[in-house]
Amino acid sequence: MCKTGVAMLFSVAMLAGACGGQSAEPQSTTPATAPPVVEPTATPPPAPPTVEAAEPATFTSDQRIDAAVDNLATNEIPVDLIAYDIIDTSTSSGLVNIEVCGWTGETVFDDV
């Protein structure tokens, strides 16, 4: 009976070892080494975009006169004109000159 008990105990131990999830492969006897530590490298900030200086806009005399006439037509005229006609336009020393003939509603016959 003693031999049967030992045999039974041995078979239970073998069964427990097989069910315990242990593999039949031999374990490595070399100690595990940690992976090498990689230091993060600082990346420099991106360079700001380069902006080329824009050349100053150059306009012809006709373009400047057209812009001044458009400005005159869209803005309020400082005097009380009912109607006006542009007689002449010119440019001189960076300025636009507009000669205007205007009518305020009065005539030379108002006194008669």
PDB file of N, CA and C in Angstrom:
ATOM      1  N   MET A   1       0.792  -1.146   0.000  1.00  0.00           N
ATOM      2  CA  MET A   1       0.000   0.000   0.000  1.00  0.00           C
ATOM      3  C   MET A   1       0.863   1.248   0.000  1.00  0.00           C
ATOM      4  N   CYS A   2       1.930   1.146   0.533  1.00  0.00           N
ATOM      5  CA  CYS A   2       2.860   2.261   0.593  1.00  0.00           C
ATOM      6  C   CYS A   2       3.366   2.577  -0.790  1.00  0.00           C
ATOM      7  N   LYS A   3       3.620   1.559  -1.599  1.00  0.00           N
ATOM      8  CA  LYS A   3       4.107   1.805  -2.952  1.00  0.00           C
ATOM      9  C   LYS A   3       2.993   2.413  -3.808  1.00  0.00           C
ATOM     10  N   THR A   4       1.774   1.990  -3.582  1.00  0.00           N
ATOM     11  CA  THR A   4       0.665   2.528  -4.350  1.00  0.00           C
ATOM     12  C   THR A   4       0.449   3.986  -3.977  1.00  0.00           C
ATOM     13  N   GLY A   5       0.580   4.356  -2.739  1.00  0.00           N
ATOM     14  CA  GLY A   5       0.401   5.745  -2.287  1.00  0.00           C
ATOM     15  C   GLY A   5       1.474   6.650  -2.874  1.00  0.00           C
ATOM     16  N   VAL A   6       2.699   6.123  -2.919  1.00  0.00           N
ATOM     17  CA  VAL A   6       3.798   6.927  -3.468  1.00  0.00           C
ATOM     18  C   VAL A   6       3.588   7.096  -4.969  1.00  0.00           C
ATOM     19  N   ALA A   7       3.156   6.046  -5.636  1.00  0.00           N
ATOM     20  CA  ALA A   7       2.927   6.122  -7.074  1.00  0.00           C
ATOM     21  C   ALA A   7       1.787   7.094  -7.363  1.00  0.00           C
ATOM     22  N   MET A   8       0.758   7.064  -6.552  1.00  0.00           N
ATOM     23  CA  MET A   8      -0.373   7.955  -6.737  1.00  0.00           C
ATOM     24  C   MET A   8       0.046   9.403  -6.474  1.00  0.00           C
ATOM     25  N   LEU A   9       0.819   9.585  -5.441  1.00  0.00           N
ATOM     26  CA  LEU A   9       1.304  10.932  -5.114  1.00  0.00           C
ATOM     27  C   LEU A   9       2.180  11.464  -6.225  1.00  0.00           C
ATOM     28  N   PHE A  10       3.013  10.590  -6.804  1.00  0.00           N
ATOM     29  CA  PHE A  10       3.894  10.975  -7.895  1.00  0.00           C
ATOM     30  C   PHE A  10       3.069  11.364  -9.126  1.00  0.00           C
ATOM     31  N   SER A  11       2.031  10.581  -9.451  1.00  0.00           N
ATOM     32  CA  SER A  11       1.218  10.889 -10.626  1.00  0.00           C
ATOM     33  C   SER A  11       0.417  12.165 -10.429  1.00  0.00           C
ATOM     34  N   VAL A  12      -0.062  12.450  -9.211  1.00  0.00           N
ATOM     35  CA  VAL A  12      -0.777  13.702  -8.923  1.00  0.00           C
ATOM     36  C   VAL A  12       0.168  14.879  -9.067  1.00  0.00           C
ATOM     37  N   ALA A  13       1.402  14.720  -8.630  1.00  0.00           N
ATOM     38  CA  ALA A  13       2.389  15.800  -8.740  1.00  0.00           C
ATOM     39  C   ALA A  13       2.704  16.075 -10.199  1.00  0.00           C
ATOM     40  N   MET A  14       2.803  15.022 -11.012  1.00  0.00           N
ATOM     41  CA  MET A  14       3.081  15.202 -12.435  1.00  0.00           C
ATOM     42  C   MET A  14       1.902  15.898 -13.135  1.00  0.00           C
ATOM     43  N   LEU A  15       0.698  15.515 -12.769  1.00  0.00           N
ATOM     44  CA  LEU A  15      -0.499  16.114 -13.345  1.00  0.00           C
ATOM     45  C   LEU A  15      -0.611  17.577 -12.951  1.00  0.00           C
ATOM     46  N   ALA A  16      -0.323  17.888 -11.704  1.00  0.00           N
ATOM     47  CA  ALA A  16      -0.362  19.277 -11.237  1.00  0.00           C
ATOM     48  C   ALA A  16       0.693  20.107 -11.944  1.00  0.00           C
ATOM     49  N   GLY A  17       1.840  19.542 -12.194  1.00  0.00           N
ATOM     50  CA  GLY A  17       2.900  20.255 -12.903  1.00  0.00           C
ATOM     51  C   GLY A  17       2.523  20.507 -14.343  1.00  0.00           C
ATOM     52  N   ALA A  18       1.844  19.554 -14.970  1.00  0.00           N
ATOM     53  CA  ALA A  18       1.440  19.730 -16.371  1.00  0.00           C
ATOM     54  C   ALA A  18       0.330  20.759 -16.484  1.00  0.00           C
ATOM     55  N   CYS A  19      -0.568  20.805 -15.527  1.00  0.00           N
ATOM     56  CA  CYS A  19      -1.668  21.765 -15.564  1.00  0.00           C
ATOM     57  C   CYS A  19      -1.251  23.136 -15.058  1.00  0.00           C
ATOM     58  N   GLY A  20      -0.129  23.223 -14.431  1.00  0.00           N
ATOM     59  CA  GLY A  20       0.310  24.509 -13.860  1.00  0.00           C
ATOM     60  C   GLY A  20       0.812  25.484 -14.884  1.00  0.00           C
ATOM     61  N   GLY A  21       0.899  25.103 -16.133  1.00  0.00           N
ATOM     62  CA  GLY A  21       1.316  26.053 -17.157  1.00  0.00           C
ATOM     63  C   GLY A  21       2.807  26.148 -17.303  1.00  0.00           C
ATOM     64  N   GLN A  22       3.547  25.298 -16.698  1.00  0.00           N
ATOM     65  CA  GLN A  22       4.989  25.354 -16.850  1.00  0.00           C
ATOM     66  C   GLN A  22       5.342  24.736 -18.180  1.00  0.00           C
ATOM     67  N   SER A  23       6.272  25.312 -18.867  1.00  0.00           N
ATOM     68  CA  SER A  23       6.660  24.778 -20.166  1.00  0.00           C
ATOM     69  C   SER A  23       7.749  23.756 -19.982  1.00  0.00           C
ATOM     70  N   ALA A  24       7.891  22.934 -20.966  1.00  0.00           N
ATOM     71  CA  ALA A  24       8.911  21.902 -20.922  1.00  0.00           C
ATOM     72  C   ALA A  24      10.251  22.456 -21.336  1.00  0.00           C
ATOM     73  N   GLU A  25      10.277  23.679 -21.869  1.00  0.00           N
ATOM     74  CA  GLU A  25      11.543  24.266 -22.285  1.00  0.00           C
ATOM     75  C   GLU A  25      12.328  24.680 -21.055  1.00  0.00           C
ATOM     76  N   PRO A  26      13.612  24.480 -21.116  1.00  0.00           N
ATOM     77  CA  PRO A  26      14.430  24.869 -19.962  1.00  0.00           C
ATOM     78  C   PRO A  26      14.514  26.381 -19.848  1.00  0.00           C
ATOM     79  N   GLN A  27      14.498  26.883 -18.633  1.00  0.00           N
ATOM     80  CA  GLN A  27      14.609  28.307 -18.365  1.00  0.00           C
ATOM     81  C   GLN A  27      16.048  28.755 -18.596  1.00  0.00           C
ATOM     82  N   SER A  28      16.207  29.956 -19.119  1.00  0.00           N
ATOM     83  CA  SER A  28      17.545  30.497 -19.339  1.00  0.00           C
ATOM     84  C   SER A  28      18.162  30.834 -18.001  1.00  0.00           C
ATOM     85  N   THR A  29      19.421  30.524 -17.882  1.00  0.00           N
ATOM     86  CA  THR A  29      20.112  30.789 -16.620  1.00  0.00           C
ATOM     87  C   THR A  29      20.814  32.128 -16.637  1.00  0.00           C
ATOM     88  N   THR A  30      20.803  32.845 -17.783  1.00  0.00           N
ATOM     89  CA  THR A  30      21.446  34.161 -17.828  1.00  0.00           C
ATOM     90  C   THR A  30      20.464  35.201 -17.310  1.00  0.00           C
ATOM     91  N   PRO A  31      20.957  36.123 -16.540  1.00  0.00           N
ATOM     92  CA  PRO A  31      20.061  37.147 -15.992  1.00  0.00           C
ATOM     93  C   PRO A  31      19.558  38.066 -17.120  1.00  0.00           C
ATOM     94  N   ALA A  32      18.331  38.537 -16.943  1.00  0.00           N
ATOM     95  CA  ALA A  32      17.739  39.447 -17.929  1.00  0.00           C
ATOM     96  C   ALA A  32      18.436  40.794 -17.872  1.00  0.00           C
ATOM     97  N   THR A  33      18.709  41.350 -19.031  1.00  0.00           N
ATOM     98  CA  THR A  33      19.356  42.666 -19.073  1.00  0.00           C
ATOM     99  C   THR A  33      18.322  43.697 -19.480  1.00  0.00           C
ATOM    100  N   ALA A  34      18.431  44.837 -18.904  1.00  0.00           N
ATOM    101  CA  ALA A  34      17.506  45.924 -19.211  1.00  0.00           C
ATOM    102  C   ALA A  34      17.850  46.492 -20.582  1.00  0.00           C
ATOM    103  N   PRO A  35      16.843  46.941 -21.338  1.00  0.00           N
ATOM    104  CA  PRO A  35      17.148  47.551 -22.636  1.00  0.00           C
ATOM    105  C   PRO A  35      17.940  48.833 -22.437  1.00  0.00           C
ATOM    106  N   PRO A  36      18.745  49.199 -23.394  1.00  0.00           N
ATOM    107  CA  PRO A  36      19.549  50.415 -23.219  1.00  0.00           C
ATOM    108  C   PRO A  36      18.647  51.637 -23.098  1.00  0.00           C
ATOM    109  N   VAL A  37      19.039  52.563 -22.262  1.00  0.00           N
ATOM    110  CA  VAL A  37      18.280  53.793 -22.041  1.00  0.00           C
ATOM    111  C   VAL A  37      18.648  54.778 -23.129  1.00  0.00           C
ATOM    112  N   VAL A  38      17.628  55.254 -23.837  1.00  0.00           N
ATOM    113  CA  VAL A  38      17.848  56.229 -24.901  1.00  0.00           C
ATOM    114  C   VAL A  38      17.392  57.579 -24.379  1.00  0.00           C
ATOM    115  N   GLU A  39      18.323  58.498 -24.334  1.00  0.00           N
ATOM    116  CA  GLU A  39      18.008  59.849 -23.870  1.00  0.00           C
ATOM    117  C   GLU A  39      17.292  60.596 -25.001  1.00  0.00           C
ATOM    118  N   PRO A  40      16.180  61.264 -24.704  1.00  0.00           N
ATOM    119  CA  PRO A  40      15.525  62.034 -25.768  1.00  0.00           C
ATOM    120  C   PRO A  40      16.389  63.224 -26.150  1.00  0.00           C
ATOM    121  N   THR A  41      16.487  63.462 -27.421  1.00  0.00           N
ATOM    122  CA  THR A  41      17.265  64.608 -27.871  1.00  0.00           C
ATOM    123  C   THR A  41      16.332  65.786 -28.071  1.00  0.00           C
ATOM    124  N   ALA A  42      16.783  66.927 -27.664  1.00  0.00           N
ATOM    125  CA  ALA A  42      15.977  68.143 -27.805  1.00  0.00           C
ATOM    126  C   ALA A  42      16.041  68.589 -29.256  1.00  0.00           C
ATOM    127  N   THR A  43      14.881  68.795 -29.859  1.00  0.00           N
ATOM    128  CA  THR A  43      14.854  69.291 -31.229  1.00  0.00           C
ATOM    129  C   THR A  43      14.708  70.801 -31.186  1.00  0.00           C
ATOM    130  N   PRO A  44      15.471  71.491 -31.987  1.00  0.00           N
ATOM    131  CA  PRO A  44      15.362  72.956 -31.973  1.00  0.00           C
ATOM    132  C   PRO A  44      14.008  73.375 -32.539  1.00  0.00           C
ATOM    133  N   PRO A  45      13.500  74.517 -32.089  1.00  0.00           N
ATOM    134  CA  PRO A  45      12.210  74.992 -32.616  1.00  0.00           C
ATOM    135  C   PRO A  45      12.361  75.315 -34.094  1.00  0.00           C
ATOM    136  N   PRO A  46      11.266  75.211 -34.835  1.00  0.00           N
ATOM    137  CA  PRO A  46      11.362  75.512 -36.265  1.00  0.00           C
ATOM    138  C   PRO A  46      11.691  76.980 -36.494  1.00  0.00           C
ATOM    139  N   ALA A  47      12.424  77.207 -37.535  1.00  0.00           N
ATOM    140  CA  ALA A  47      12.813  78.583 -37.857  1.00  0.00           C
ATOM    141  C   ALA A  47      11.581  79.346 -38.330  1.00  0.00           C
ATOM    142  N   PRO A  48      11.462  80.613 -37.971  1.00  0.00           N
ATOM    143  CA  PRO A  48      10.313  81.391 -38.435  1.00  0.00           C
ATOM    144  C   PRO A  48      10.378  81.529 -39.952  1.00  0.00           C
ATOM    145  N   PRO A  49       9.231  81.605 -40.588  1.00  0.00           N
ATOM    146  CA  PRO A  49       9.239  81.737 -42.045  1.00  0.00           C
ATOM    147  C   PRO A  49       9.834  83.069 -42.458  1.00  0.00           C
ATOM    148  N   THR A  50      10.566  83.033 -43.522  1.00  0.00           N
ATOM    149  CA  THR A  50      11.161  84.267 -44.000  1.00  0.00           C
ATOM    150  C   THR A  50      10.165  84.961 -44.917  1.00  0.00           C
ATOM    151  N   VAL A  51      10.023  86.235 -44.702  1.00  0.00           N
ATOM    152  CA  VAL A  51       9.094  87.033 -45.498  1.00  0.00           C
ATOM    153  C   VAL A  51       9.916  88.070 -46.238  1.00  0.00           C
ATOM    154  N   GLU A  52       9.789  88.008 -47.532  1.00  0.00           N
ATOM    155  CA  GLU A  52      10.505  89.001 -48.316  1.00  0.00           C
ATOM    156  C   GLU A  52       9.760  90.326 -48.249  1.00  0.00           C
ATOM    157  N   ALA A  53      10.521  91.378 -48.128  1.00  0.00           N
ATOM    158  CA  ALA A  53       9.914  92.703 -48.058  1.00  0.00           C
ATOM    159  C   ALA A  53       9.272  93.023 -49.404  1.00  0.00           C
ATOM    160  N   ALA A  54       8.032  93.437 -49.346  1.00  0.00           N
ATOM    161  CA  ALA A  54       7.310  93.769 -50.574  1.00  0.00           C
ATOM    162  C   ALA A  54       7.792  95.118 -51.080  1.00  0.00           C
ATOM    163  N   GLU A  55       7.925  95.173 -52.369  1.00  0.00           N
ATOM    164  CA  GLU A  55       8.313  96.442 -52.956  1.00  0.00           C
ATOM    165  C   GLU A  55       7.120  97.390 -52.881  1.00  0.00           C
ATOM    166  N   PRO A  56       7.372  98.665 -52.666  1.00  0.00           N
ATOM    167  CA  PRO A  56       6.246  99.606 -52.613  1.00  0.00           C
ATOM    168  C   PRO A  56       5.514  99.612 -53.959  1.00  0.00           C
ATOM    169  N   ALA A  57       4.215  99.706 -53.860  1.00  0.00           N
ATOM    170  CA  ALA A  57       3.397  99.708 -55.073  1.00  0.00           C
ATOM    171  C   ALA A  57       3.610 101.011 -55.822  1.00  0.00           C
ATOM    172  N   THR A  58       3.784 100.888 -57.093  1.00  0.00           N
ATOM    173  CA  THR A  58       3.914 102.088 -57.923  1.00  0.00           C
ATOM    174  C   THR A  58       2.706 102.135 -58.857  1.00  0.00           C
ATOM    175  N   PHE A  59       2.106 103.292 -58.917  1.00  0.00           N
ATOM    176  CA  PHE A  59       0.920 103.490 -59.737  1.00  0.00           C
ATOM    177  C   PHE A  59       1.226 104.529 -60.798  1.00  0.00           C
ATOM    178  N   THR A  60       0.615 104.373 -61.917  1.00  0.00           N
ATOM    179  CA  THR A  60       0.762 105.377 -62.970  1.00  0.00           C
ATOM    180  C   THR A  60      -0.093 106.593 -62.607  1.00  0.00           C
ATOM    181  N   SER A  61       0.159 107.670 -63.302  1.00  0.00           N
ATOM    182  CA  SER A  61      -0.618 108.896 -63.054  1.00  0.00           C
ATOM    183  C   SER A  61      -2.091 108.656 -63.349  1.00  0.00           C
ATOM    184  N   ASP A  62      -2.368 107.903 -64.409  1.00  0.00           N
ATOM    185  CA  ASP A  62      -3.773 107.637 -64.750  1.00  0.00           C
ATOM    186  C   ASP A  62      -4.462 106.806 -63.670  1.00  0.00           C
ATOM    187  N   GLN A  63      -3.756 105.833 -63.100  1.00  0.00           N
ATOM    188  CA  GLN A  63      -4.347 105.024 -62.026  1.00  0.00           C
ATOM    189  C   GLN A  63      -4.622 105.880 -60.793  1.00  0.00           C
ATOM    190  N   ARG A  64      -3.712 106.798 -60.474  1.00  0.00           N
ATOM    191  CA  ARG A  64      -3.913 107.669 -59.318  1.00  0.00           C
ATOM    192  C   ARG A  64      -5.072 108.629 -59.553  1.00  0.00           C
ATOM    193  N   ILE A  65      -5.190 109.161 -60.760  1.00  0.00           N
ATOM    194  CA  ILE A  65      -6.300 110.073 -61.075  1.00  0.00           C
ATOM    195  C   ILE A  65      -7.624 109.320 -60.998  1.00  0.00           C
ATOM    196  N   ASP A  66      -7.671 108.108 -61.561  1.00  0.00           N
ATOM    197  CA  ASP A  66      -8.905 107.309 -61.505  1.00  0.00           C
ATOM    198  C   ASP A  66      -9.317 107.029 -60.058  1.00  0.00           C
ATOM    199  N   ALA A  67      -8.354 106.726 -59.200  1.00  0.00           N
ATOM    200  CA  ALA A  67      -8.663 106.465 -57.789  1.00  0.00           C
ATOM    201  C   ALA A  67      -9.189 107.722 -57.101  1.00  0.00           C
ATOM    202  N   ALA A  68      -8.614 108.879 -57.421  1.00  0.00           N
ATOM    203  CA  ALA A  68      -9.068 110.138 -56.813  1.00  0.00           C
ATOM    204  C   ALA A  68     -10.472 110.495 -57.289  1.00  0.00           C
ATOM    205  N   VAL A  69     -10.774 110.280 -58.561  1.00  0.00           N
ATOM    206  CA  VAL A  69     -12.107 110.575 -59.085  1.00  0.00           C
ATOM    207  C   VAL A  69     -13.127 109.628 -58.454  1.00  0.00           C
ATOM    208  N   ASP A  70     -12.767 108.337 -58.309  1.00  0.00           N
ATOM    209  CA  ASP A  70     -13.660 107.382 -57.628  1.00  0.00           C
ATOM    210  C   ASP A  70     -13.908 107.793 -56.186  1.00  0.00           C
ATOM    211  N   ASN A  71     -12.867 108.280 -55.524  1.00  0.00           N
ATOM    212  CA  ASN A  71     -13.002 108.733 -54.135  1.00  0.00           C
ATOM    213  C   ASN A  71     -13.910 109.950 -54.062  1.00  0.00           C
ATOM    214  N   LEU A  72     -13.782 110.849 -55.009  1.00  0.00           N
ATOM    215  CA  LEU A  72     -14.639 112.036 -55.043  1.00  0.00           C
ATOM    216  C   LEU A  72     -16.097 111.638 -55.263  1.00  0.00           C
ATOM    217  N   ALA A  73     -16.336 110.648 -56.094  1.00  0.00           N
ATOM    218  CA  ALA A  73     -17.710 110.234 -56.407  1.00  0.00           C
ATOM    219  C   ALA A  73     -18.361 109.473 -55.254  1.00  0.00           C
ATOM    220  N   THR A  74     -17.573 108.743 -54.455  1.00  0.00           N
ATOM    221  CA  THR A  74     -18.167 107.923 -53.396  1.00  0.00           C
ATOM    222  C   THR A  74     -18.224 108.617 -52.042  1.00  0.00           C
ATOM    223  N   ASN A  75     -17.456 109.665 -51.840  1.00  0.00           N
ATOM    224  CA  ASN A  75     -17.467 110.365 -50.548  1.00  0.00           C
ATOM    225  C   ASN A  75     -18.264 111.650 -50.648  1.00  0.00           C
ATOM    226  N   GLU A  76     -18.685 112.126 -49.484  1.00  0.00           N
ATOM    227  CA  GLU A  76     -19.450 113.368 -49.447  1.00  0.00           C
ATOM    228  C   GLU A  76     -18.558 114.545 -49.809  1.00  0.00           C
ATOM    229  N   ILE A  77     -19.110 115.418 -50.625  1.00  0.00           N
ATOM    230  CA  ILE A  77     -18.369 116.621 -51.013  1.00  0.00           C
ATOM    231  C   ILE A  77     -18.559 117.642 -49.896  1.00  0.00           C
ATOM    232  N   PRO A  78     -17.488 118.319 -49.480  1.00  0.00           N
ATOM    233  CA  PRO A  78     -17.588 119.211 -48.321  1.00  0.00           C
ATOM    234  C   PRO A  78     -18.499 120.417 -48.503  1.00  0.00           C
ATOM    235  N   VAL A  79     -18.756 120.857 -49.706  1.00  0.00           N
ATOM    236  CA  VAL A  79     -19.660 121.999 -49.907  1.00  0.00           C
ATOM    237  C   VAL A  79     -20.999 121.481 -50.407  1.00  0.00           C
ATOM    238  N   ASP A  80     -22.024 122.315 -50.329  1.00  0.00           N
ATOM    239  CA  ASP A  80     -23.369 121.913 -50.735  1.00  0.00           C
ATOM    240  C   ASP A  80     -23.542 122.012 -52.250  1.00  0.00           C
ATOM    241  N   LEU A  81     -23.005 121.044 -52.955  1.00  0.00           N
ATOM    242  CA  LEU A  81     -23.150 121.031 -54.410  1.00  0.00           C
ATOM    243  C   LEU A  81     -24.325 120.157 -54.793  1.00  0.00           C
ATOM    244  N   ILE A  82     -25.071 120.608 -55.761  1.00  0.00           N
ATOM    245  CA  ILE A  82     -26.152 119.799 -56.304  1.00  0.00           C
ATOM    246  C   ILE A  82     -25.599 118.922 -57.424  1.00  0.00           C
ATOM    247  N   ALA A  83     -24.702 119.498 -58.212  1.00  0.00           N
ATOM    248  CA  ALA A  83     -24.082 118.762 -59.306  1.00  0.00           C
ATOM    249  C   ALA A  83     -22.690 119.337 -59.533  1.00  0.00           C
ATOM    250  N   TYR A  84     -21.838 118.533 -60.170  1.00  0.00           N
ATOM    251  CA  TYR A  84     -20.510 119.022 -60.517  1.00  0.00           C
ATOM    252  C   TYR A  84     -20.032 118.315 -61.772  1.00  0.00           C
ATOM    253  N   ASP A  85     -19.080 118.929 -62.438  1.00  0.00           N
ATOM    254  CA  ASP A  85     -18.406 118.354 -63.594  1.00  0.00           C
ATOM    255  C   ASP A  85     -16.907 118.451 -63.356  1.00  0.00           C
ATOM    256  N   ILE A  86     -16.209 117.443 -63.795  1.00  0.00           N
ATOM    257  CA  ILE A  86     -14.750 117.474 -63.694  1.00  0.00           C
ATOM    258  C   ILE A  86     -14.230 118.112 -64.968  1.00  0.00           C
ATOM    259  N   ILE A  87     -13.513 119.231 -64.789  1.00  0.00           N
ATOM    260  CA  ILE A  87     -13.000 119.990 -65.923  1.00  0.00           C
ATOM    261  C   ILE A  87     -11.630 119.463 -66.350  1.00  0.00           C
ATOM    262  N   ASP A  88     -10.736 119.236 -65.357  1.00  0.00           N
ATOM    263  CA  ASP A  88      -9.381 118.809 -65.693  1.00  0.00           C
ATOM    264  C   ASP A  88      -8.798 118.030 -64.515  1.00  0.00           C
ATOM    265  N   THR A  89      -7.887 117.133 -64.824  1.00  0.00           N
ATOM    266  CA  THR A  89      -7.164 116.393 -63.784  1.00  0.00           C
ATOM    267  C   THR A  89      -5.688 116.379 -64.139  1.00  0.00           C
ATOM    268  N   SER A  90      -4.851 116.371 -63.090  1.00  0.00           N
ATOM    269  CA  SER A  90      -3.404 116.308 -63.305  1.00  0.00           C
ATOM    270  C   SER A  90      -2.750 115.787 -62.023  1.00  0.00           C
ATOM    271  N   THR A  91      -1.488 115.416 -62.147  1.00  0.00           N
ATOM    272  CA  THR A  91      -0.708 115.003 -60.977  1.00  0.00           C
ATOM    273  C   THR A  91       0.536 115.862 -60.911  1.00  0.00           C
ATOM    274  N   SER A  92       0.950 116.169 -59.678  1.00  0.00           N
ATOM    275  CA  SER A  92       2.132 116.988 -59.475  1.00  0.00           C
ATOM    276  C   SER A  92       2.669 116.723 -58.077  1.00  0.00           C
ATOM    277  N   SER A  93       3.924 116.386 -57.977  1.00  0.00           N
ATOM    278  CA  SER A  93       4.606 116.166 -56.691  1.00  0.00           C
ATOM    279  C   SER A  93       3.871 115.150 -55.814  1.00  0.00           C
ATOM    280  N   GLY A  94       3.367 114.098 -56.426  1.00  0.00           N
ATOM    281  CA  GLY A  94       2.690 113.057 -55.651  1.00  0.00           C
ATOM    282  C   GLY A  94       1.243 113.370 -55.319  1.00  0.00           C
ATOM    283  N   LEU A  95       0.745 114.523 -55.732  1.00  0.00           N
ATOM    284  CA  LEU A  95      -0.635 114.906 -55.471  1.00  0.00           C
ATOM    285  C   LEU A  95      -1.458 114.805 -56.746  1.00  0.00           C
ATOM    286  N   VAL A  96      -2.747 114.543 -56.583  1.00  0.00           N
ATOM    287  CA  VAL A  96      -3.665 114.533 -57.715  1.00  0.00           C
ATOM    288  C   VAL A  96      -4.504 115.799 -57.619  1.00  0.00           C
ATOM    289  N   ASN A  97      -4.539 116.554 -58.700  1.00  0.00           N
ATOM    290  CA  ASN A  97      -5.322 117.792 -58.755  1.00  0.00           C
ATOM    291  C   ASN A  97      -6.537 117.544 -59.636  1.00  0.00           C
ATOM    292  N   ILE A  98      -7.710 117.867 -59.089  1.00  0.00           N
ATOM    293  CA  ILE A  98      -8.952 117.715 -59.845  1.00  0.00           C
ATOM    294  C   ILE A  98      -9.624 119.084 -59.892  1.00  0.00           C
ATOM    295  N   GLU A  99      -9.837 119.612 -61.090  1.00  0.00           N
ATOM    296  CA  GLU A  99     -10.523 120.897 -61.254  1.00  0.00           C
ATOM    297  C   GLU A  99     -11.997 120.593 -61.480  1.00  0.00           C
ATOM    298  N   VAL A 100     -12.822 121.119 -60.572  1.00  0.00           N
ATOM    299  CA  VAL A 100     -14.244 120.796 -60.579  1.00  0.00           C
ATOM    300  C   VAL A 100     -15.052 122.080 -60.790  1.00  0.00           C
ATOM    301  N   CYS A 101     -16.092 122.000 -61.615  1.00  0.00           N
ATOM    302  CA  CYS A 101     -17.056 123.076 -61.770  1.00  0.00           C
ATOM    303  C   CYS A 101     -18.339 122.588 -61.125  1.00  0.00           C
ATOM    304  N   GLY A 102     -18.768 123.254 -60.063  1.00  0.00           N
ATOM    305  CA  GLY A 102     -19.918 122.781 -59.318  1.00  0.00           C
ATOM    306  C   GLY A 102     -21.072 123.755 -59.334  1.00  0.00           C
ATOM    307  N   TRP A 103     -22.270 123.231 -59.091  1.00  0.00           N
ATOM    308  CA  TRP A 103     -23.474 124.040 -59.046  1.00  0.00           C
ATOM    309  C   TRP A 103     -24.130 123.837 -57.697  1.00  0.00           C
ATOM    310  N   THR A 104     -24.380 124.937 -56.983  1.00  0.00           N
ATOM    311  CA  THR A 104     -24.982 124.886 -55.648  1.00  0.00           C
ATOM    312  C   THR A 104     -26.486 125.126 -55.705  1.00  0.00           C
ATOM    313  N   GLY A 105     -27.036 125.368 -56.884  1.00  0.00           N
ATOM    314  CA  GLY A 105     -28.472 125.614 -57.016  1.00  0.00           C
ATOM    315  C   GLY A 105     -28.772 127.075 -57.213  1.00  0.00           C
ATOM    316  N   GLU A 106     -27.857 127.952 -56.913  1.00  0.00           N
ATOM    317  CA  GLU A 106     -28.072 129.381 -57.104  1.00  0.00           C
ATOM    318  C   GLU A 106     -27.712 129.756 -58.539  1.00  0.00           C
ATOM    319  N   THR A 107     -28.372 130.757 -59.050  1.00  0.00           N
ATOM    320  CA  THR A 107     -28.050 131.255 -60.377  1.00  0.00           C
ATOM    321  C   THR A 107     -27.881 132.762 -60.298  1.00  0.00           C
ATOM    322  N   VAL A 108     -27.403 133.297 -61.354  1.00  0.00           N
ATOM    323  CA  VAL A 108     -27.271 134.767 -61.394  1.00  0.00           C
ATOM    324  C   VAL A 108     -28.632 135.431 -61.500  1.00  0.00           C
ATOM    325  N   PHE A 109     -29.654 134.655 -61.840  1.00  0.00           N
ATOM    326  CA  PHE A 109     -30.977 135.236 -62.016  1.00  0.00           C
ATOM    327  C   PHE A 109     -31.822 135.157 -60.745  1.00  0.00           C
ATOM    328  N   ASP A 110     -31.248 134.658 -59.634  1.00  0.00           N
ATOM    329  CA  ASP A 110     -32.034 134.547 -58.422  1.00  0.00           C
ATOM    330  C   ASP A 110     -32.437 135.911 -57.871  1.00  0.00           C
ATOM    331  N   ASP A 111     -31.644 136.941 -58.152  1.00  0.00           N
ATOM    332  CA  ASP A 111     -31.929 138.267 -57.624  1.00  0.00           C
ATOM    333  C   ASP A 111     -32.951 139.007 -58.486  1.00  0.00           C
ATOM    334  N   VAL A 112     -33.229 138.526 -59.651  1.00  0.00           N
ATOM    335  CA  VAL A 112     -34.133 139.251 -60.577  1.00  0.00           C
ATOM    336  C   VAL A 112     -35.563 138.869 -60.296  1.00  0.00           C
TER     337      VAL A 112
END
